Amino acid sequence: MKTFESRPLGIDQGEATLFSDYADGGPMWTGDGARARRHRVSFSRPFATRPVVHVSVTLWDFDKGANARAELSAERVSEEGFDIVFRTWADTRIAQIRVGWIALGQMPNPDDWTLY
């Protein structure tokens, strides 16, 4: 759990389409085995400390002929941004994925200053 002590709290959010591989025969639609897509997100303003980030699928379009296997995560979280990472494996075929995200964290306080 994170506790915020009288500091400004920042909340940033957004949505990203990671791929639409059915349109051009990309590897998420035509491939098999382990596959991954990574999408870098930059926050609208930097946080003072590393924020908490939550990601969720807002649209998915899987082929009905195979099992739906997927992992979604936020990686390389920093004050400036993070990576959305989507993974699948085996014979899963995915046409498209859209991901929503929200980040919560401390914002810089104008009263903070460094002597040296």
Protein backbone atom coordinates (compact mmCIF):
# COMPACT_ATOMS: atom_id res chain seq x y z
CA MET A 1 0.00 0.00 0.00
CA LYS A 2 1.14 3.52 -0.75
CA THR A 3 0.37 6.36 1.64
CA PHE A 4 0.37 9.97 0.43
CA GLU A 5 1.31 12.64 2.93
CA SER A 6 -0.09 16.08 2.12
CA ARG A 7 1.31 16.02 -1.39
CA PRO A 8 -0.53 16.64 -4.62
CA LEU A 9 -1.93 13.39 -6.05
CA GLY A 10 -1.75 12.96 -9.81
CA ILE A 11 -4.00 10.71 -11.88
CA ASP A 12 -3.28 10.20 -15.56
CA GLN A 13 -5.15 7.86 -17.89
CA GLY A 14 -5.41 6.82 -21.49
CA GLU A 15 -6.03 4.10 -24.02
CA ALA A 16 -3.89 2.54 -26.75
CA THR A 17 -4.58 0.14 -29.61
CA LEU A 18 -1.62 -2.23 -29.47
CA PHE A 19 -2.20 -3.89 -32.83
CA SER A 20 -4.72 -4.76 -35.55
CA ASP A 21 -2.90 -7.69 -37.11
CA TYR A 22 -5.89 -9.10 -38.99
CA ALA A 23 -5.74 -6.14 -41.39
CA ASP A 24 -2.21 -6.86 -42.62
CA GLY A 25 -1.62 -10.51 -41.66
CA GLY A 26 0.66 -9.63 -38.74
CA PRO A 27 2.19 -12.19 -36.36
CA MET A 28 -0.49 -12.00 -33.65
CA TRP A 29 -3.04 -13.11 -36.26
CA THR A 30 -0.99 -15.47 -38.43
CA GLY A 31 1.82 -16.63 -36.13
CA ASP A 32 2.08 -19.29 -33.47
CA GLY A 33 4.24 -19.89 -30.43
CA ALA A 34 5.32 -17.20 -28.00
CA ARG A 35 4.64 -13.66 -29.22
CA ALA A 36 4.66 -10.25 -27.54
CA ARG A 37 3.92 -6.61 -28.27
CA ARG A 38 5.27 -3.68 -26.29
CA HIS A 39 3.89 -0.13 -26.41
CA ARG A 40 5.56 2.81 -24.62
CA VAL A 41 3.28 5.28 -22.81
CA SER A 42 4.51 8.73 -21.75
CA PHE A 43 2.61 10.49 -18.97
CA SER A 44 1.23 13.96 -19.68
CA ARG A 45 3.42 15.25 -16.79
CA PRO A 46 6.13 13.46 -14.79
CA PHE A 47 5.24 12.16 -11.35
CA ALA A 48 7.48 12.98 -8.34
CA THR A 49 7.90 9.26 -7.57
CA ARG A 50 7.17 6.07 -9.47
CA PRO A 51 3.35 5.83 -9.74
CA VAL A 52 1.09 2.82 -9.45
CA VAL A 53 -0.14 1.77 -12.91
CA HIS A 54 -3.15 -0.38 -13.74
CA VAL A 55 -3.78 -1.77 -17.24
CA SER A 56 -6.88 -3.54 -18.57
CA VAL A 57 -8.19 -4.80 -21.89
CA THR A 58 -10.90 -2.54 -23.34
CA LEU A 59 -11.27 -4.42 -26.64
CA TRP A 60 -10.18 -7.87 -27.72
CA ASP A 61 -10.91 -9.80 -30.87
CA PHE A 62 -9.75 -13.43 -30.72
CA ASP A 63 -10.20 -16.16 -33.32
CA LYS A 64 -12.85 -18.64 -32.17
CA GLY A 65 -10.89 -21.61 -33.55
CA ALA A 66 -8.24 -21.68 -30.77
CA ASN A 67 -7.97 -21.09 -27.03
CA ALA A 68 -7.72 -17.47 -25.91
CA ARG A 69 -4.38 -17.17 -24.11
CA ALA A 70 -3.16 -13.75 -23.03
CA GLU A 71 -1.09 -11.90 -20.46
CA LEU A 72 -1.22 -8.12 -20.03
CA SER A 73 1.17 -6.16 -17.82
CA ALA A 74 2.72 -2.77 -17.11
CA GLU A 75 6.53 -2.94 -17.16
CA ARG A 76 9.43 -0.47 -16.84
CA VAL A 77 7.27 1.95 -14.82
CA SER A 78 9.04 5.24 -14.11
CA GLU A 79 8.06 8.80 -13.23
CA GLU A 80 7.86 9.61 -16.96
CA GLY A 81 6.00 6.58 -18.35
CA PHE A 82 5.74 2.80 -18.70
CA ASP A 83 5.46 -0.05 -21.22
CA ILE A 84 2.21 -1.89 -21.89
CA VAL A 85 3.19 -5.49 -22.64
CA PHE A 86 0.82 -8.02 -24.21
CA ARG A 87 1.85 -11.66 -24.60
CA THR A 88 0.25 -14.74 -26.11
CA TRP A 89 1.47 -18.24 -27.01
CA ALA A 90 0.68 -21.54 -28.72
CA ASP A 91 -1.96 -21.39 -31.50
CA THR A 92 -3.90 -18.37 -30.18
CA ARG A 93 -4.85 -15.97 -32.98
CA ILE A 94 -5.62 -12.38 -32.04
CA ALA A 95 -7.00 -9.87 -34.51
CA GLN A 96 -6.72 -6.79 -32.31
CA ILE A 97 -6.27 -5.56 -28.75
CA ARG A 98 -6.97 -2.17 -27.16
CA VAL A 99 -5.77 -1.40 -23.63
CA GLY A 100 -6.87 1.21 -21.11
CA TRP A 101 -4.55 2.41 -18.35
CA ILE A 102 -4.57 4.60 -15.25
CA ALA A 103 -1.59 5.86 -13.22
CA LEU A 104 -1.78 7.28 -9.69
CA GLY A 105 1.07 8.84 -7.82
CA GLN A 106 2.63 11.77 -6.03
CA MET A 107 3.17 14.92 -8.03
CA PRO A 108 6.01 17.40 -7.50
CA ASN A 109 5.25 19.91 -4.79
CA PRO A 110 6.26 23.54 -5.47
CA ASP A 111 7.56 23.74 -1.88
CA ASP A 112 10.12 20.97 -2.52
CA TRP A 113 13.65 22.16 -3.17
CA THR A 114 17.15 20.75 -3.12
CA LEU A 115 20.09 22.58 -1.53
CA TYR A 116 22.85 20.98 -3.57
